[in-house]
Amino acid sequence: MYAIVETGGKQYRIQEGDLLKVESLGIAEGESVVLDKVLFVGGDDGISVGAPYVQGASVKASVVTNGKDRKVLVFKFKSKKNYRRLRGHRQHFTEIRIDSITPGA
């Protein structure tokens, strides 16, 4: 069984046992989280497509780790004007493990 869920403004295709790096959820390591914005559920018994979400469907996951991603450099430059700006950014993330997928109605 697989599902498509929405979290952090992005959509992910997941299965049970998958490790997924998502935007920071602000939940401590070892705790569980329920993702209820399920857009699609598919399996051997058929598919369920939401409008926009599947009623009653949910995904249970546990938080593996929290951290910061690799640094992304933002460099601004204007030629012949001696204008240069260098700025770095490290995005916070939460890595989760998918425990179970509950199909909806």
PDB file of N, CA and C in Angstrom:
ATOM      1  N   MET A   1       0.847  -1.171   0.000  1.00  0.00           N
ATOM      2  CA  MET A   1       0.000   0.000   0.000  1.00  0.00           C
ATOM      3  C   MET A   1       0.895   1.237   0.000  1.00  0.00           C
ATOM      4  N   TYR A   2       0.482   2.250  -0.726  1.00  0.00           N
ATOM      5  CA  TYR A   2       1.210   3.507  -0.770  1.00  0.00           C
ATOM      6  C   TYR A   2       0.227   4.661  -0.699  1.00  0.00           C
ATOM      7  N   ALA A   3       0.762   5.830  -0.409  1.00  0.00           N
ATOM      8  CA  ALA A   3      -0.086   7.016  -0.276  1.00  0.00           C
ATOM      9  C   ALA A   3       0.699   8.237  -0.713  1.00  0.00           C
ATOM     10  N   ILE A   4      -0.036   9.290  -1.014  1.00  0.00           N
ATOM     11  CA  ILE A   4       0.562  10.592  -1.292  1.00  0.00           C
ATOM     12  C   ILE A   4       0.055  11.534  -0.213  1.00  0.00           C
ATOM     13  N   VAL A   5       1.004  12.108   0.551  1.00  0.00           N
ATOM     14  CA  VAL A   5       0.652  12.995   1.653  1.00  0.00           C
ATOM     15  C   VAL A   5       1.232  14.378   1.407  1.00  0.00           C
ATOM     16  N   GLU A   6       0.631  15.357   2.068  1.00  0.00           N
ATOM     17  CA  GLU A   6       1.101  16.739   1.970  1.00  0.00           C
ATOM     18  C   GLU A   6       1.563  17.191   3.346  1.00  0.00           C
ATOM     19  N   THR A   7       2.790  17.697   3.407  1.00  0.00           N
ATOM     20  CA  THR A   7       3.308  18.277   4.635  1.00  0.00           C
ATOM     21  C   THR A   7       4.363  19.315   4.280  1.00  0.00           C
ATOM     22  N   GLY A   8       4.328  20.426   4.956  1.00  0.00           N
ATOM     23  CA  GLY A   8       5.289  21.490   4.696  1.00  0.00           C
ATOM     24  C   GLY A   8       5.136  22.109   3.316  1.00  0.00           C
ATOM     25  N   GLY A   9       3.933  22.052   2.742  1.00  0.00           N
ATOM     26  CA  GLY A   9       3.689  22.630   1.429  1.00  0.00           C
ATOM     27  C   GLY A   9       4.195  21.784   0.268  1.00  0.00           C
ATOM     28  N   LYS A  10       4.630  20.556   0.558  1.00  0.00           N
ATOM     29  CA  LYS A  10       5.123  19.655  -0.490  1.00  0.00           C
ATOM     30  C   LYS A  10       4.365  18.346  -0.419  1.00  0.00           C
ATOM     31  N   GLN A  11       4.400  17.601  -1.512  1.00  0.00           N
ATOM     32  CA  GLN A  11       3.715  16.313  -1.577  1.00  0.00           C
ATOM     33  C   GLN A  11       4.740  15.200  -1.729  1.00  0.00           C
ATOM     34  N   TYR A  12       4.512  14.087  -1.015  1.00  0.00           N
ATOM     35  CA  TYR A  12       5.441  12.965  -1.015  1.00  0.00           C
ATOM     36  C   TYR A  12       4.681  11.667  -1.252  1.00  0.00           C
ATOM     37  N   ARG A  13       5.276  10.768  -2.046  1.00  0.00           N
ATOM     38  CA  ARG A  13       4.739   9.420  -2.231  1.00  0.00           C
ATOM     39  C   ARG A  13       5.450   8.526  -1.228  1.00  0.00           C
ATOM     40  N   ILE A  14       4.679   7.842  -0.382  1.00  0.00           N
ATOM     41  CA  ILE A  14       5.267   7.077   0.704  1.00  0.00           C
ATOM     42  C   ILE A  14       4.721   5.665   0.752  1.00  0.00           C
ATOM     43  N   GLN A  15       5.498   4.777   1.380  1.00  0.00           N
ATOM     44  CA  GLN A  15       5.081   3.416   1.697  1.00  0.00           C
ATOM     45  C   GLN A  15       5.485   3.147   3.137  1.00  0.00           C
ATOM     46  N   GLU A  16       4.981   2.062   3.708  1.00  0.00           N
ATOM     47  CA  GLU A  16       5.355   1.715   5.075  1.00  0.00           C
ATOM     48  C   GLU A  16       6.842   1.383   5.132  1.00  0.00           C
ATOM     49  N   GLY A  17       7.507   1.905   6.158  1.00  0.00           N
ATOM     50  CA  GLY A  17       8.930   1.656   6.334  1.00  0.00           C
ATOM     51  C   GLY A  17       9.839   2.677   5.684  1.00  0.00           C
ATOM     52  N   ASP A  18       9.291   3.602   4.905  1.00  0.00           N
ATOM     53  CA  ASP A  18      10.108   4.617   4.236  1.00  0.00           C
ATOM     54  C   ASP A  18      10.671   5.617   5.241  1.00  0.00           C
ATOM     55  N   LEU A  19      11.881   6.102   4.951  1.00  0.00           N
ATOM     56  CA  LEU A  19      12.459   7.229   5.671  1.00  0.00           C
ATOM     57  C   LEU A  19      12.261   8.465   4.812  1.00  0.00           C
ATOM     58  N   LEU A  20      11.778   9.532   5.405  1.00  0.00           N
ATOM     59  CA  LEU A  20      11.409  10.720   4.646  1.00  0.00           C
ATOM     60  C   LEU A  20      11.948  11.956   5.342  1.00  0.00           C
ATOM     61  N   LYS A  21      12.601  12.838   4.590  1.00  0.00           N
ATOM     62  CA  LYS A  21      13.116  14.093   5.125  1.00  0.00           C
ATOM     63  C   LYS A  21      12.142  15.201   4.723  1.00  0.00           C
ATOM     64  N   VAL A  22      11.460  15.784   5.729  1.00  0.00           N
ATOM     65  CA  VAL A  22      10.444  16.806   5.478  1.00  0.00           C
ATOM     66  C   VAL A  22      10.831  18.101   6.185  1.00  0.00           C
ATOM     67  N   GLU A  23      10.082  19.158   5.913  1.00  0.00           N
ATOM     68  CA  GLU A  23      10.294  20.424   6.613  1.00  0.00           C
ATOM     69  C   GLU A  23      10.128  20.209   8.115  1.00  0.00           C
ATOM     70  N   SER A  24      10.779  21.010   8.908  1.00  0.00           N
ATOM     71  CA  SER A  24      10.786  20.836  10.359  1.00  0.00           C
ATOM     72  C   SER A  24       9.370  20.838  10.926  1.00  0.00           C
ATOM     73  N   LEU A  25       9.067  19.815  11.738  1.00  0.00           N
ATOM     74  CA  LEU A  25       7.742  19.686  12.338  1.00  0.00           C
ATOM     75  C   LEU A  25       7.711  20.181  13.779  1.00  0.00           C
ATOM     76  N   GLY A  26       8.879  20.411  14.379  1.00  0.00           N
ATOM     77  CA  GLY A  26       8.933  20.889  15.753  1.00  0.00           C
ATOM     78  C   GLY A  26       8.543  19.829  16.770  1.00  0.00           C
ATOM     79  N   ILE A  27       8.797  18.566  16.463  1.00  0.00           N
ATOM     80  CA  ILE A  27       8.462  17.456  17.349  1.00  0.00           C
ATOM     81  C   ILE A  27       9.765  16.773  17.744  1.00  0.00           C
ATOM     82  N   ALA A  28       9.883  16.383  19.008  1.00  0.00           N
ATOM     83  CA  ALA A  28      11.110  15.786  19.523  1.00  0.00           C
ATOM     84  C   ALA A  28      11.351  14.399  18.929  1.00  0.00           C
ATOM     85  N   GLU A  29      12.614  13.983  18.955  1.00  0.00           N
ATOM     86  CA  GLU A  29      12.984  12.677  18.430  1.00  0.00           C
ATOM     87  C   GLU A  29      12.337  11.572  19.259  1.00  0.00           C
ATOM     88  N   GLY A  30      11.895  10.506  18.577  1.00  0.00           N
ATOM     89  CA  GLY A  30      11.273   9.376  19.249  1.00  0.00           C
ATOM     90  C   GLY A  30       9.770   9.484  19.386  1.00  0.00           C
ATOM     91  N   GLU A  31       9.214  10.672  19.237  1.00  0.00           N
ATOM     92  CA  GLU A  31       7.768  10.841  19.336  1.00  0.00           C
ATOM     93  C   GLU A  31       7.105  10.469  18.018  1.00  0.00           C
ATOM     94  N   SER A  32       5.784  10.290  18.066  1.00  0.00           N
ATOM     95  CA  SER A  32       5.054   9.933  16.856  1.00  0.00           C
ATOM     96  C   SER A  32       4.244  11.122  16.365  1.00  0.00           C
ATOM     97  N   VAL A  33       3.933  11.085  15.087  1.00  0.00           N
ATOM     98  CA  VAL A  33       3.170  12.156  14.451  1.00  0.00           C
ATOM     99  C   VAL A  33       2.148  11.511  13.512  1.00  0.00           C
ATOM    100  N   VAL A  34       0.993  12.146  13.384  1.00  0.00           N
ATOM    101  CA  VAL A  34      -0.049  11.665  12.478  1.00  0.00           C
ATOM    102  C   VAL A  34      -0.205  12.681  11.366  1.00  0.00           C
ATOM    103  N   LEU A  35      -0.010  12.227  10.124  1.00  0.00           N
ATOM    104  CA  LEU A  35      -0.206  13.074   8.954  1.00  0.00           C
ATOM    105  C   LEU A  35      -1.604  12.793   8.412  1.00  0.00           C
ATOM    106  N   ASP A  36      -2.480  13.802   8.470  1.00  0.00           N
ATOM    107  CA  ASP A  36      -3.867  13.574   8.058  1.00  0.00           C
ATOM    108  C   ASP A  36      -4.212  14.201   6.714  1.00  0.00           C
ATOM    109  N   LYS A  37      -3.267  14.901   6.100  1.00  0.00           N
ATOM    110  CA  LYS A  37      -3.511  15.469   4.768  1.00  0.00           C
ATOM    111  C   LYS A  37      -3.097  14.449   3.710  1.00  0.00           C
ATOM    112  N   VAL A  38      -3.934  13.435   3.527  1.00  0.00           N
ATOM    113  CA  VAL A  38      -3.660  12.346   2.590  1.00  0.00           C
ATOM    114  C   VAL A  38      -4.432  12.634   1.302  1.00  0.00           C
ATOM    115  N   LEU A  39      -3.709  12.764   0.199  1.00  0.00           N
ATOM    116  CA  LEU A  39      -4.322  13.109  -1.079  1.00  0.00           C
ATOM    117  C   LEU A  39      -4.743  11.879  -1.872  1.00  0.00           C
ATOM    118  N   PHE A  40      -4.047  10.748  -1.657  1.00  0.00           N
ATOM    119  CA  PHE A  40      -4.257   9.558  -2.485  1.00  0.00           C
ATOM    120  C   PHE A  40      -3.820   8.333  -1.705  1.00  0.00           C
ATOM    121  N   VAL A  41      -4.599   7.256  -1.787  1.00  0.00           N
ATOM    122  CA  VAL A  41      -4.227   5.984  -1.176  1.00  0.00           C
ATOM    123  C   VAL A  41      -4.426   4.906  -2.224  1.00  0.00           C
ATOM    124  N   GLY A  42      -3.392   4.095  -2.444  1.00  0.00           N
ATOM    125  CA  GLY A  42      -3.482   3.018  -3.423  1.00  0.00           C
ATOM    126  C   GLY A  42      -2.959   1.727  -2.839  1.00  0.00           C
ATOM    127  N   GLY A  43      -3.540   0.616  -3.274  1.00  0.00           N
ATOM    128  CA  GLY A  43      -3.101  -0.681  -2.789  1.00  0.00           C
ATOM    129  C   GLY A  43      -3.727  -1.793  -3.612  1.00  0.00           C
ATOM    130  N   ASP A  44      -3.692  -3.012  -3.069  1.00  0.00           N
ATOM    131  CA  ASP A  44      -4.248  -4.164  -3.771  1.00  0.00           C
ATOM    132  C   ASP A  44      -5.766  -4.097  -3.874  1.00  0.00           C
ATOM    133  N   ASP A  45      -6.408  -3.448  -2.904  1.00  0.00           N
ATOM    134  CA  ASP A  45      -7.874  -3.382  -2.888  1.00  0.00           C
ATOM    135  C   ASP A  45      -8.429  -2.200  -3.678  1.00  0.00           C
ATOM    136  N   GLY A  46      -7.598  -1.458  -4.402  1.00  0.00           N
ATOM    137  CA  GLY A  46      -8.055  -0.339  -5.216  1.00  0.00           C
ATOM    138  C   GLY A  46      -7.415   0.960  -4.781  1.00  0.00           C
ATOM    139  N   ILE A  47      -7.977   2.047  -5.289  1.00  0.00           N
ATOM    140  CA  ILE A  47      -7.429   3.361  -4.990  1.00  0.00           C
ATOM    141  C   ILE A  47      -8.503   4.265  -4.409  1.00  0.00           C
ATOM    142  N   SER A  48      -8.070   5.278  -3.671  1.00  0.00           N
ATOM    143  CA  SER A  48      -8.952   6.316  -3.162  1.00  0.00           C
ATOM    144  C   SER A  48      -8.306   7.657  -3.471  1.00  0.00           C
ATOM    145  N   VAL A  49      -9.040   8.507  -4.148  1.00  0.00           N
ATOM    146  CA  VAL A  49      -8.546   9.824  -4.514  1.00  0.00           C
ATOM    147  C   VAL A  49      -9.356  10.859  -3.751  1.00  0.00           C
ATOM    148  N   GLY A  50      -8.688  11.775  -3.103  1.00  0.00           N
ATOM    149  CA  GLY A  50      -9.357  12.790  -2.318  1.00  0.00           C
ATOM    150  C   GLY A  50      -9.711  14.016  -3.121  1.00  0.00           C
ATOM    151  N   ALA A  51     -10.630  14.804  -2.551  1.00  0.00           N
ATOM    152  CA  ALA A  51     -11.025  16.050  -3.190  1.00  0.00           C
ATOM    153  C   ALA A  51     -11.166  17.128  -2.133  1.00  0.00           C
ATOM    154  N   PRO A  52     -10.132  17.730  -1.588  1.00  0.00           N
ATOM    155  CA  PRO A  52      -8.726  17.503  -1.882  1.00  0.00           C
ATOM    156  C   PRO A  52      -8.099  16.377  -1.069  1.00  0.00           C
ATOM    157  N   TYR A  53      -8.699  15.999   0.098  1.00  0.00           N
ATOM    158  CA  TYR A  53      -8.101  14.964   0.935  1.00  0.00           C
ATOM    159  C   TYR A  53      -9.041  13.771   1.050  1.00  0.00           C
ATOM    160  N   VAL A  54      -8.473  12.591   1.290  1.00  0.00           N
ATOM    161  CA  VAL A  54      -9.250  11.370   1.467  1.00  0.00           C
ATOM    162  C   VAL A  54      -9.829  11.383   2.879  1.00  0.00           C
ATOM    163  N   GLN A  55     -11.162  11.215   2.989  1.00  0.00           N
ATOM    164  CA  GLN A  55     -11.836  11.235   4.279  1.00  0.00           C
ATOM    165  C   GLN A  55     -11.402  10.044   5.125  1.00  0.00           C
ATOM    166  N   GLY A  56     -10.998  10.287   6.357  1.00  0.00           N
ATOM    167  CA  GLY A  56     -10.660   9.230   7.290  1.00  0.00           C
ATOM    168  C   GLY A  56      -9.291   8.605   7.108  1.00  0.00           C
ATOM    169  N   ALA A  57      -8.564   8.987   6.090  1.00  0.00           N
ATOM    170  CA  ALA A  57      -7.240   8.412   5.847  1.00  0.00           C
ATOM    171  C   ALA A  57      -6.201   9.149   6.681  1.00  0.00           C
ATOM    172  N   SER A  58      -5.224   8.391   7.183  1.00  0.00           N
ATOM    173  CA  SER A  58      -4.151   8.998   7.958  1.00  0.00           C
ATOM    174  C   SER A  58      -2.898   8.155   7.836  1.00  0.00           C
ATOM    175  N   VAL A  59      -1.783   8.768   8.152  1.00  0.00           N
ATOM    176  CA  VAL A  59      -0.487   8.094   8.115  1.00  0.00           C
ATOM    177  C   VAL A  59       0.182   8.328   9.463  1.00  0.00           C
ATOM    178  N   LYS A  60       0.603   7.241  10.111  1.00  0.00           N
ATOM    179  CA  LYS A  60       1.311   7.357  11.383  1.00  0.00           C
ATOM    180  C   LYS A  60       2.790   7.211  11.110  1.00  0.00           C
ATOM    181  N   ALA A  61       3.578   8.116  11.714  1.00  0.00           N
ATOM    182  CA  ALA A  61       5.021   8.116  11.515  1.00  0.00           C
ATOM    183  C   ALA A  61       5.698   8.432  12.840  1.00  0.00           C
ATOM    184  N   SER A  62       6.958   8.053  12.947  1.00  0.00           N
ATOM    185  CA  SER A  62       7.740   8.377  14.137  1.00  0.00           C
ATOM    186  C   SER A  62       8.943   9.209  13.713  1.00  0.00           C
ATOM    187  N   VAL A  63       9.317  10.154  14.561  1.00  0.00           N
ATOM    188  CA  VAL A  63      10.419  11.064  14.270  1.00  0.00           C
ATOM    189  C   VAL A  63      11.735  10.352  14.563  1.00  0.00           C
ATOM    190  N   VAL A  64      12.608  10.286  13.562  1.00  0.00           N
ATOM    191  CA  VAL A  64      13.910   9.649  13.709  1.00  0.00           C
ATOM    192  C   VAL A  64      14.929  10.668  14.203  1.00  0.00           C
ATOM    193  N   THR A  65      15.001  11.813  13.522  1.00  0.00           N
ATOM    194  CA  THR A  65      15.980  12.833  13.900  1.00  0.00           C
ATOM    195  C   THR A  65      15.531  14.208  13.407  1.00  0.00           C
ATOM    196  N   ASN A  66      16.058  15.226  14.064  1.00  0.00           N
ATOM    197  CA  ASN A  66      15.899  16.611  13.630  1.00  0.00           C
ATOM    198  C   ASN A  66      17.286  17.134  13.299  1.00  0.00           C
ATOM    199  N   GLY A  67      17.372  18.056  12.351  1.00  0.00           N
ATOM    200  CA  GLY A  67      18.689  18.581  12.006  1.00  0.00           C
ATOM    201  C   GLY A  67      18.616  19.739  11.047  1.00  0.00           C
ATOM    202  N   LYS A  68      19.795  20.078  10.511  1.00  0.00           N
ATOM    203  CA  LYS A  68      19.917  21.143   9.525  1.00  0.00           C
ATOM    204  C   LYS A  68      20.492  20.556   8.249  1.00  0.00           C
ATOM    205  N   ASP A  69      19.989  21.006   7.118  1.00  0.00           N
ATOM    206  CA  ASP A  69      20.441  20.540   5.813  1.00  0.00           C
ATOM    207  C   ASP A  69      21.771  21.195   5.448  1.00  0.00           C
ATOM    208  N   ARG A  70      22.287  20.837   4.275  1.00  0.00           N
ATOM    209  CA  ARG A  70      23.524  21.445   3.778  1.00  0.00           C
ATOM    210  C   ARG A  70      23.310  22.926   3.516  1.00  0.00           C
ATOM    211  N   LYS A  71      24.397  23.680   3.568  1.00  0.00           N
ATOM    212  CA  LYS A  71      24.320  25.117   3.365  1.00  0.00           C
ATOM    213  C   LYS A  71      24.078  25.439   1.895  1.00  0.00           C
ATOM    214  N   VAL A  72      23.163  26.357   1.646  1.00  0.00           N
ATOM    215  CA  VAL A  72      22.894  26.874   0.310  1.00  0.00           C
ATOM    216  C   VAL A  72      23.422  28.303   0.278  1.00  0.00           C
ATOM    217  N   LEU A  73      24.283  28.613  -0.686  1.00  0.00           N
ATOM    218  CA  LEU A  73      24.851  29.950  -0.796  1.00  0.00           C
ATOM    219  C   LEU A  73      24.032  30.787  -1.769  1.00  0.00           C
ATOM    220  N   VAL A  74      23.709  32.004  -1.349  1.00  0.00           N
ATOM    221  CA  VAL A  74      22.995  32.961  -2.185  1.00  0.00           C
ATOM    222  C   VAL A  74      23.959  34.099  -2.461  1.00  0.00           C
ATOM    223  N   PHE A  75      24.298  34.310  -3.724  1.00  0.00           N
ATOM    224  CA  PHE A  75      25.275  35.322  -4.103  1.00  0.00           C
ATOM    225  C   PHE A  75      24.618  36.325  -5.029  1.00  0.00           C
ATOM    226  N   LYS A  76      24.615  37.599  -4.626  1.00  0.00           N
ATOM    227  CA  LYS A  76      24.071  38.671  -5.450  1.00  0.00           C
ATOM    228  C   LYS A  76      25.241  39.470  -6.012  1.00  0.00           C
ATOM    229  N   PHE A  77      25.116  39.882  -7.268  1.00  0.00           N
ATOM    230  CA  PHE A  77      26.225  40.544  -7.938  1.00  0.00           C
ATOM    231  C   PHE A  77      25.678  41.492  -8.995  1.00  0.00           C
ATOM    232  N   LYS A  78      26.209  42.720  -9.022  1.00  0.00           N
ATOM    233  CA  LYS A  78      25.880  43.662 -10.092  1.00  0.00           C
ATOM    234  C   LYS A  78      27.185  44.097 -10.731  1.00  0.00           C
ATOM    235  N   SER A  79      27.274  43.883 -12.005  1.00  0.00           N
ATOM    236  CA  SER A  79      28.536  44.162 -12.692  1.00  0.00           C
ATOM    237  C   SER A  79      28.834  45.662 -12.734  1.00  0.00           C
ATOM    238  N   LYS A  80      30.094  45.985 -12.647  1.00  0.00           N
ATOM    239  CA  LYS A  80      30.626  47.346 -12.757  1.00  0.00           C
ATOM    240  C   LYS A  80      30.174  48.275 -11.636  1.00  0.00           C
ATOM    241  N   LYS A  81      29.558  47.772 -10.592  1.00  0.00           N
ATOM    242  CA  LYS A  81      29.059  48.621  -9.514  1.00  0.00           C
ATOM    243  C   LYS A  81      29.685  48.281  -8.158  1.00  0.00           C
ATOM    244  N   ASN A  82      30.609  47.344  -8.118  1.00  0.00           N
ATOM    245  CA  ASN A  82      31.262  46.912  -6.887  1.00  0.00           C
ATOM    246  C   ASN A  82      30.236  46.472  -5.835  1.00  0.00           C
ATOM    247  N   TYR A  83      29.191  45.765  -6.280  1.00  0.00           N
ATOM    248  CA  TYR A  83      28.130  45.286  -5.399  1.00  0.00           C
ATOM    249  C   TYR A  83      28.179  43.768  -5.366  1.00  0.00           C
ATOM    250  N   ARG A  84      28.509  43.234  -4.201  1.00  0.00           N
ATOM    251  CA  ARG A  84      28.556  41.779  -4.018  1.00  0.00           C
ATOM    252  C   ARG A  84      28.008  41.458  -2.631  1.00  0.00           C
ATOM    253  N   ARG A  85      27.093  40.488  -2.552  1.00  0.00           N
ATOM    254  CA  ARG A  85      26.548  40.042  -1.271  1.00  0.00           C
ATOM    255  C   ARG A  85      26.559  38.522  -1.266  1.00  0.00           C
ATOM    256  N   LEU A  86      27.089  37.948  -0.208  1.00  0.00           N
ATOM    257  CA  LEU A  86      27.126  36.504  -0.051  1.00  0.00           C
ATOM    258  C   LEU A  86      26.387  36.153   1.233  1.00  0.00           C
ATOM    259  N   ARG A  87      25.415  35.285   1.097  1.00  0.00           N
ATOM    260  CA  ARG A  87      24.612  34.902   2.252  1.00  0.00           C
ATOM    261  C   ARG A  87      24.396  33.396   2.224  1.00  0.00           C
ATOM    262  N   GLY A  88      24.475  32.749   3.374  1.00  0.00           N
ATOM    263  CA  GLY A  88      24.263  31.315   3.472  1.00  0.00           C
ATOM    264  C   GLY A  88      22.978  31.007   4.212  1.00  0.00           C
ATOM    265  N   HIS A  89      22.401  29.839   3.920  1.00  0.00           N
ATOM    266  CA  HIS A  89      21.159  29.423   4.577  1.00  0.00           C
ATOM    267  C   HIS A  89      21.185  27.915   4.788  1.00  0.00           C
ATOM    268  N   ARG A  90      20.821  27.470   5.993  1.00  0.00           N
ATOM    269  CA  ARG A  90      20.695  26.047   6.289  1.00  0.00           C
ATOM    270  C   ARG A  90      19.274  25.787   6.753  1.00  0.00           C
ATOM    271  N   GLN A  91      18.539  24.990   5.987  1.00  0.00           N
ATOM    272  CA  GLN A  91      17.134  24.707   6.276  1.00  0.00           C
ATOM    273  C   GLN A  91      17.007  23.622   7.345  1.00  0.00           C
ATOM    274  N   HIS A  92      16.133  23.833   8.313  1.00  0.00           N
ATOM    275  CA  HIS A  92      15.854  22.827   9.334  1.00  0.00           C
ATOM    276  C   HIS A  92      14.977  21.730   8.729  1.00  0.00           C
ATOM    277  N   PHE A  93      15.213  20.483   9.146  1.00  0.00           N
ATOM    278  CA  PHE A  93      14.409  19.368   8.644  1.00  0.00           C
ATOM    279  C   PHE A  93      14.102  18.394   9.766  1.00  0.00           C
ATOM    280  N   THR A  94      13.111  17.544   9.516  1.00  0.00           N
ATOM    281  CA  THR A  94      12.764  16.438  10.399  1.00  0.00           C
ATOM    282  C   THR A  94      12.740  15.180   9.557  1.00  0.00           C
ATOM    283  N   GLU A  95      13.461  14.150  10.004  1.00  0.00           N
ATOM    284  CA  GLU A  95      13.449  12.877   9.292  1.00  0.00           C
ATOM    285  C   GLU A  95      12.481  11.951  10.011  1.00  0.00           C
ATOM    286  N   ILE A  96      11.496  11.419   9.258  1.00  0.00           N
ATOM    287  CA  ILE A  96      10.463  10.564   9.847  1.00  0.00           C
ATOM    288  C   ILE A  96      10.481   9.192   9.182  1.00  0.00           C
ATOM    289  N   ARG A  97      10.023   8.184   9.943  1.00  0.00           N
ATOM    290  CA  ARG A  97       9.866   6.818   9.422  1.00  0.00           C
ATOM    291  C   ARG A  97       8.369   6.528   9.403  1.00  0.00           C
ATOM    292  N   ILE A  98       7.874   6.063   8.256  1.00  0.00           N
ATOM    293  CA  ILE A  98       6.455   5.774   8.099  1.00  0.00           C
ATOM    294  C   ILE A  98       6.148   4.440   8.772  1.00  0.00           C
ATOM    295  N   ASP A  99       5.255   4.448   9.774  1.00  0.00           N
ATOM    296  CA  ASP A  99       4.908   3.242  10.504  1.00  0.00           C
ATOM    297  C   ASP A  99       3.701   2.532   9.899  1.00  0.00           C
ATOM    298  N   SER A 100       2.625   3.269   9.624  1.00  0.00           N
ATOM    299  CA  SER A 100       1.426   2.628   9.077  1.00  0.00           C
ATOM    300  C   SER A 100       0.626   3.623   8.262  1.00  0.00           C
ATOM    301  N   ILE A 101      -0.121   3.073   7.310  1.00  0.00           N
ATOM    302  CA  ILE A 101      -1.022   3.865   6.465  1.00  0.00           C
ATOM    303  C   ILE A 101      -2.435   3.327   6.687  1.00  0.00           C
ATOM    304  N   THR A 102      -3.340   4.213   7.100  1.00  0.00           N
ATOM    305  CA  THR A 102      -4.742   3.829   7.326  1.00  0.00           C
ATOM    306  C   THR A 102      -5.578   4.372   6.177  1.00  0.00           C
ATOM    307  N   PRO A 103      -6.151   3.478   5.340  1.00  0.00           N
ATOM    308  CA  PRO A 103      -6.995   3.970   4.240  1.00  0.00           C
ATOM    309  C   PRO A 103      -8.303   4.529   4.767  1.00  0.00           C
ATOM    310  N   GLY A 104      -8.827   5.478   4.067  1.00  0.00           N
ATOM    311  CA  GLY A 104     -10.063   6.118   4.494  1.00  0.00           C
ATOM    312  C   GLY A 104     -11.282   5.384   3.975  1.00  0.00           C
ATOM    313  N   ALA A 105     -12.380   6.115   3.898  1.00  0.00           N
ATOM    314  CA  ALA A 105     -13.672   5.552   3.486  1.00  0.00           C
ATOM    315  C   ALA A 105     -13.689   5.168   2.022  1.00  0.00           C
TER     316      ALA A 105
END
